[in-house]
PDB file of N, CA and C in Angstrom:
ATOM      1  N   UNK A   1      71.955  96.542 107.716  1.00  0.00           N
ATOM      2  CA  UNK A   1      72.073  97.504 106.641  1.00  0.00           C
ATOM      3  C   UNK A   1      73.391  98.289 106.759  1.00  0.00           C
ATOM      4  N   UNK A   2      73.742  98.694 107.948  1.00  0.00           N
ATOM      5  CA  UNK A   2      74.997  99.415 108.164  1.00  0.00           C
ATOM      6  C   UNK A   2      76.169  98.501 107.863  1.00  0.00           C
ATOM      7  N   UNK A   3      76.030  97.256 108.216  1.00  0.00           N
ATOM      8  CA  UNK A   3      77.100  96.293 107.980  1.00  0.00           C
ATOM      9  C   UNK A   3      77.382  96.133 106.486  1.00  0.00           C
ATOM     10  N   UNK A   4      76.348  96.104 105.676  1.00  0.00           N
ATOM     11  CA  UNK A   4      76.519  95.973 104.232  1.00  0.00           C
ATOM     12  C   UNK A   4      77.203  97.214 103.640  1.00  0.00           C
ATOM     13  N   UNK A   5      76.819  98.378 104.105  1.00  0.00           N
ATOM     14  CA  UNK A   5      77.447  99.610 103.627  1.00  0.00           C
ATOM     15  C   UNK A   5      78.903  99.679 104.056  1.00  0.00           C
ATOM     16  N   UNK A   6      79.173  99.287 105.293  1.00  0.00           N
ATOM     17  CA  UNK A   6      80.540  99.282 105.793  1.00  0.00           C
ATOM     18  C   UNK A   6      81.390  98.288 105.018  1.00  0.00           C
ATOM     19  N   UNK A   7      80.811  97.157 104.699  1.00  0.00           N
ATOM     20  CA  UNK A   7      81.520  96.142 103.914  1.00  0.00           C
ATOM     21  C   UNK A   7      81.843  96.656 102.517  1.00  0.00           C
ATOM     22  N   UNK A   8      80.915  97.347 101.896  1.00  0.00           N
ATOM     23  CA  UNK A   8      81.145  97.896 100.554  1.00  0.00           C
ATOM     24  C   UNK A   8      82.231  98.972 100.588  1.00  0.00           C
ATOM     25  N   UNK A   9      82.214  99.814 101.599  1.00  0.00           N
ATOM     26  CA  UNK A   9      83.235 100.855 101.724  1.00  0.00           C
ATOM     27  C   UNK A   9      84.603 100.231 101.939  1.00  0.00           C
ATOM     28  N   UNK A  10      84.673  99.218 102.784  1.00  0.00           N
ATOM     29  CA  UNK A  10      85.941  98.542 103.031  1.00  0.00           C
ATOM     30  C   UNK A  10      86.465  97.876 101.762  1.00  0.00           C
ATOM     31  N   UNK A  11      85.587  97.240 101.011  1.00  0.00           N
ATOM     32  CA  UNK A  11      85.995  96.582  99.771  1.00  0.00           C
ATOM     33  C   UNK A  11      86.552  97.579  98.764  1.00  0.00           C
ATOM     34  N   UNK A  12      85.908  98.700  98.609  1.00  0.00           N
ATOM     35  CA  UNK A  12      86.404  99.731  97.691  1.00  0.00           C
ATOM     36  C   UNK A  12      87.708 100.350  98.180  1.00  0.00           C
ATOM     37  N   UNK A  13      87.837 100.500  99.496  1.00  0.00           N
ATOM     38  CA  UNK A  13      89.049 101.106 100.055  1.00  0.00           C
ATOM     39  C   UNK A  13      90.257 100.190  99.910  1.00  0.00           C
ATOM     40  N   UNK A  14      90.053  98.894  99.878  1.00  0.00           N
ATOM     41  CA  UNK A  14      91.174  97.961  99.749  1.00  0.00           C
ATOM     42  C   UNK A  14      91.421  97.536  98.303  1.00  0.00           C
ATOM     43  N   UNK A  15      90.542  97.881  97.391  1.00  0.00           N
ATOM     44  CA  UNK A  15      90.712  97.490  95.989  1.00  0.00           C
ATOM     45  C   UNK A  15      91.892  98.210  95.336  1.00  0.00           C
ATOM     46  N   UNK A  16      91.989  99.501  95.524  1.00  0.00           N
ATOM     47  CA  UNK A  16      93.054 100.282  94.892  1.00  0.00           C
ATOM     48  C   UNK A  16      94.443  99.847  95.372  1.00  0.00           C
ATOM     49  N   UNK A  17      94.668  99.693  96.688  1.00  0.00           N
ATOM     50  CA  UNK A  17      95.989  99.207  97.111  1.00  0.00           C
ATOM     51  C   UNK A  17      96.296  97.801  96.606  1.00  0.00           C
ATOM     52  N   UNK A  18      95.272  96.946  96.538  1.00  0.00           N
ATOM     53  CA  UNK A  18      95.488  95.598  96.009  1.00  0.00           C
ATOM     54  C   UNK A  18      95.961  95.654  94.557  1.00  0.00           C
ATOM     55  N   UNK A  19      95.330  96.484  93.748  1.00  0.00           N
ATOM     56  CA  UNK A  19      95.721  96.617  92.346  1.00  0.00           C
ATOM     57  C   UNK A  19      97.138  97.174  92.216  1.00  0.00           C
ATOM     58  N   UNK A  20      97.482  98.131  93.073  1.00  0.00           N
ATOM     59  CA  UNK A  20      98.824  98.721  93.033  1.00  0.00           C
ATOM     60  C   UNK A  20      99.889  97.705  93.414  1.00  0.00           C
ATOM     61  N   UNK A  21      99.637  96.926  94.445  1.00  0.00           N
ATOM     62  CA  UNK A  21     100.612  95.920  94.888  1.00  0.00           C
ATOM     63  C   UNK A  21     100.752  94.819  93.846  1.00  0.00           C
ATOM     64  N   UNK A  22      99.652  94.398  93.265  1.00  0.00           N
ATOM     65  CA  UNK A  22      99.720  93.347  92.243  1.00  0.00           C
ATOM     66  C   UNK A  22     100.462  93.840  91.005  1.00  0.00           C
ATOM     67  N   UNK A  23     100.240  95.087  90.605  1.00  0.00           N
ATOM     68  CA  UNK A  23     100.963  95.639  89.454  1.00  0.00           C
ATOM     69  C   UNK A  23     102.450  95.723  89.758  1.00  0.00           C
ATOM     70  N   UNK A  24     102.797  96.165  90.960  1.00  0.00           N
ATOM     71  CA  UNK A  24     104.212  96.239  91.349  1.00  0.00           C
ATOM     72  C   UNK A  24     104.851  94.850  91.341  1.00  0.00           C
ATOM     73  N   UNK A  25     104.120  93.878  91.847  1.00  0.00           N
ATOM     74  CA  UNK A  25     104.644  92.508  91.903  1.00  0.00           C
ATOM     75  C   UNK A  25     104.837  91.949  90.492  1.00  0.00           C
ATOM     76  N   UNK A  26     103.898  92.212  89.604  1.00  0.00           N
ATOM     77  CA  UNK A  26     104.051  91.759  88.224  1.00  0.00           C
ATOM     78  C   UNK A  26     105.221  92.461  87.554  1.00  0.00           C
ATOM     79  N   UNK A  27     105.425  93.738  87.847  1.00  0.00           N
ATOM     80  CA  UNK A  27     106.578  94.447  87.293  1.00  0.00           C
ATOM     81  C   UNK A  27     107.875  93.854  87.818  1.00  0.00           C
ATOM     82  N   UNK A  28     107.886  93.414  89.079  1.00  0.00           N
ATOM     83  CA  UNK A  28     109.084  92.786  89.643  1.00  0.00           C
ATOM     84  C   UNK A  28     109.425  91.478  88.940  1.00  0.00           C
ATOM     85  N   UNK A  29     108.420  90.813  88.393  1.00  0.00           N
ATOM     86  CA  UNK A  29     108.663  89.561  87.662  1.00  0.00           C
ATOM     87  C   UNK A  29     108.754  89.806  86.163  1.00  0.00           C
ATOM     88  N   UNK A  30     108.940  91.072  85.782  1.00  0.00           N
ATOM     89  CA  UNK A  30     109.131  91.496  84.391  1.00  0.00           C
ATOM     90  C   UNK A  30     107.904  91.246  83.512  1.00  0.00           C
ATOM     91  N   UNK A  31     106.737  91.528  84.071  1.00  0.00           N
ATOM     92  CA  UNK A  31     105.484  91.434  83.324  1.00  0.00           C
ATOM     93  C   UNK A  31     104.736  92.755  83.453  1.00  0.00           C
ATOM     94  N   UNK A  32     103.826  92.995  82.546  1.00  0.00           N
ATOM     95  CA  UNK A  32     103.029  94.212  82.572  1.00  0.00           C
ATOM     96  C   UNK A  32     101.940  94.112  83.648  1.00  0.00           C
ATOM     97  N   UNK A  33     101.627  95.237  84.260  1.00  0.00           N
ATOM     98  CA  UNK A  33     100.564  95.282  85.255  1.00  0.00           C
ATOM     99  C   UNK A  33      99.190  94.982  84.673  1.00  0.00           C
ATOM    100  N   UNK A  34      99.054  95.169  83.366  1.00  0.00           N
ATOM    101  CA  UNK A  34      97.783  94.885  82.695  1.00  0.00           C
ATOM    102  C   UNK A  34      97.443  93.404  82.720  1.00  0.00           C
ATOM    103  N   UNK A  35      98.418  92.558  83.003  1.00  0.00           N
ATOM    104  CA  UNK A  35      98.152  91.124  83.054  1.00  0.00           C
ATOM    105  C   UNK A  35      97.272  90.738  84.242  1.00  0.00           C
ATOM    106  N   UNK A  36      96.971  91.702  85.111  1.00  0.00           N
ATOM    107  CA  UNK A  36      96.015  91.441  86.190  1.00  0.00           C
ATOM    108  C   UNK A  36      94.646  91.087  85.623  1.00  0.00           C
ATOM    109  N   UNK A  37      94.387  91.552  84.420  1.00  0.00           N
ATOM    110  CA  UNK A  37      93.088  91.275  83.799  1.00  0.00           C
ATOM    111  C   UNK A  37      92.899  89.793  83.490  1.00  0.00           C
ATOM    112  N   UNK A  38      93.985  89.022  83.492  1.00  0.00           N
ATOM    113  CA  UNK A  38      93.878  87.575  83.302  1.00  0.00           C
ATOM    114  C   UNK A  38      93.048  86.973  84.434  1.00  0.00           C
ATOM    115  N   UNK A  39      93.084  87.609  85.590  1.00  0.00           N
ATOM    116  CA  UNK A  39      92.307  87.143  86.732  1.00  0.00           C
ATOM    117  C   UNK A  39      90.807  87.171  86.508  1.00  0.00           C
ATOM    118  N   UNK A  40      90.355  87.851  85.471  1.00  0.00           N
ATOM    119  CA  UNK A  40      88.920  87.892  85.172  1.00  0.00           C
ATOM    120  C   UNK A  40      88.432  86.635  84.460  1.00  0.00           C
ATOM    121  N   UNK A  41      89.357  85.825  83.954  1.00  0.00           N
ATOM    122  CA  UNK A  41      88.987  84.568  83.300  1.00  0.00           C
ATOM    123  C   UNK A  41      88.536  83.599  84.395  1.00  0.00           C
ATOM    124  N   UNK A  42      87.355  83.026  84.264  1.00  0.00           N
ATOM    125  CA  UNK A  42      86.857  82.138  85.314  1.00  0.00           C
ATOM    126  C   UNK A  42      87.785  80.946  85.562  1.00  0.00           C
ATOM    127  N   UNK A  43      87.950  80.606  86.838  1.00  0.00           N
ATOM    128  CA  UNK A  43      88.714  79.458  87.337  1.00  0.00           C
ATOM    129  C   UNK A  43      90.203  79.549  87.040  1.00  0.00           C
ATOM    130  N   UNK A  44      90.605  79.473  85.811  1.00  0.00           N
ATOM    131  CA  UNK A  44      92.015  79.386  85.441  1.00  0.00           C
ATOM    132  C   UNK A  44      92.733  80.718  85.644  1.00  0.00           C
ATOM    133  N   UNK A  45      92.060  81.823  85.435  1.00  0.00           N
ATOM    134  CA  UNK A  45      92.685  83.127  85.528  1.00  0.00           C
ATOM    135  C   UNK A  45      93.297  83.410  86.885  1.00  0.00           C
ATOM    136  N   UNK A  46      92.579  83.093  87.958  1.00  0.00           N
ATOM    137  CA  UNK A  46      93.110  83.311  89.299  1.00  0.00           C
ATOM    138  C   UNK A  46      94.325  82.444  89.562  1.00  0.00           C
ATOM    139  N   UNK A  47      94.284  81.217  89.091  1.00  0.00           N
ATOM    140  CA  UNK A  47      95.429  80.319  89.308  1.00  0.00           C
ATOM    141  C   UNK A  47      96.678  80.833  88.603  1.00  0.00           C
ATOM    142  N   UNK A  48      96.523  81.293  87.374  1.00  0.00           N
ATOM    143  CA  UNK A  48      97.656  81.824  86.616  1.00  0.00           C
ATOM    144  C   UNK A  48      98.179  83.087  87.290  1.00  0.00           C
ATOM    145  N   UNK A  49      97.296  83.959  87.717  1.00  0.00           N
ATOM    146  CA  UNK A  49      97.702  85.202  88.362  1.00  0.00           C
ATOM    147  C   UNK A  49      98.435  84.926  89.673  1.00  0.00           C
ATOM    148  N   UNK A  50      97.948  84.011  90.465  1.00  0.00           N
ATOM    149  CA  UNK A  50      98.624  83.655  91.719  1.00  0.00           C
ATOM    150  C   UNK A  50      99.999  83.067  91.435  1.00  0.00           C
ATOM    151  N   UNK A  51     100.102  82.260  90.398  1.00  0.00           N
ATOM    152  CA  UNK A  51     101.398  81.692  90.025  1.00  0.00           C
ATOM    153  C   UNK A  51     102.384  82.788  89.648  1.00  0.00           C
ATOM    154  N   UNK A  52     101.952  83.746  88.848  1.00  0.00           N
ATOM    155  CA  UNK A  52     102.822  84.848  88.443  1.00  0.00           C
ATOM    156  C   UNK A  52     103.233  85.695  89.637  1.00  0.00           C
ATOM    157  N   UNK A  53     102.295  85.966  90.535  1.00  0.00           N
ATOM    158  CA  UNK A  53     102.597  86.813  91.688  1.00  0.00           C
ATOM    159  C   UNK A  53     103.530  86.128  92.677  1.00  0.00           C
ATOM    160  N   UNK A  54     103.539  84.811  92.693  1.00  0.00           N
ATOM    161  CA  UNK A  54     104.373  84.069  93.640  1.00  0.00           C
ATOM    162  C   UNK A  54     105.779  83.807  93.126  1.00  0.00           C
ATOM    163  N   UNK A  55     106.056  84.124  91.881  1.00  0.00           N
ATOM    164  CA  UNK A  55     107.380  83.870  91.333  1.00  0.00           C
ATOM    165  C   UNK A  55     108.412  84.822  91.916  1.00  0.00           C
ATOM    166  N   UNK A  56     109.664  84.389  91.842  1.00  0.00           N
ATOM    167  CA  UNK A  56     110.770  85.188  92.356  1.00  0.00           C
ATOM    168  C   UNK A  56     111.003  86.405  91.465  1.00  0.00           C
ATOM    169  N   UNK A  57     111.424  87.496  92.080  1.00  0.00           N
ATOM    170  CA  UNK A  57     111.702  88.734  91.332  1.00  0.00           C
ATOM    171  C   UNK A  57     112.918  88.574  90.440  1.00  0.00           C
ATOM    172  N   UNK A  58     112.897  89.295  89.328  1.00  0.00           N
ATOM    173  CA  UNK A  58     114.044  89.325  88.431  1.00  0.00           C
ATOM    174  C   UNK A  58     114.820  90.604  88.707  1.00  0.00           C
ATOM    175  N   UNK A  59     116.150  90.507  88.729  1.00  0.00           N
ATOM    176  CA  UNK A  59     116.948  91.668  89.085  1.00  0.00           C
ATOM    177  C   UNK A  59     117.014  92.699  87.957  1.00  0.00           C
ATOM    178  N   UNK A  60     117.022  92.266  86.710  1.00  0.00           N
ATOM    179  CA  UNK A  60     117.133  93.196  85.605  1.00  0.00           C
ATOM    180  C   UNK A  60     115.804  93.495  84.959  1.00  0.00           C
ATOM    181  N   UNK A  61     114.815  93.860  85.725  1.00  0.00           N
ATOM    182  CA  UNK A  61     113.487  94.131  85.199  1.00  0.00           C
ATOM    183  C   UNK A  61     113.495  95.387  84.337  1.00  0.00           C
ATOM    184  N   UNK A  62     112.770  95.358  83.240  1.00  0.00           N
ATOM    185  CA  UNK A  62     112.685  96.536  82.373  1.00  0.00           C
ATOM    186  C   UNK A  62     111.809  97.627  82.976  1.00  0.00           C
ATOM    187  N   UNK A  63     111.053  97.305  84.015  1.00  0.00           N
ATOM    188  CA  UNK A  63     110.149  98.263  84.647  1.00  0.00           C
ATOM    189  C   UNK A  63     110.812  99.029  85.783  1.00  0.00           C
ATOM    190  N   UNK A  64     112.015  98.634  86.164  1.00  0.00           N
ATOM    191  CA  UNK A  64     112.682  99.246  87.339  1.00  0.00           C
ATOM    192  C   UNK A  64     113.181 100.638  87.046  1.00  0.00           C
TER     193      UNK A  64
END
């Protein structure tokens, strides 16, 4: 029971930094942070999101 509560606390504690890093990474590739919501699409969404996050940064980003 303690393990489940600890796991839930850890998951919530790491969710916010994950969202912040993913938004920053998408901004570095000149995309909106809202595109993280594509990850909610079953199967394909995660693949597209991983592809976007793995791309090289653009130097003239409009978000910089």
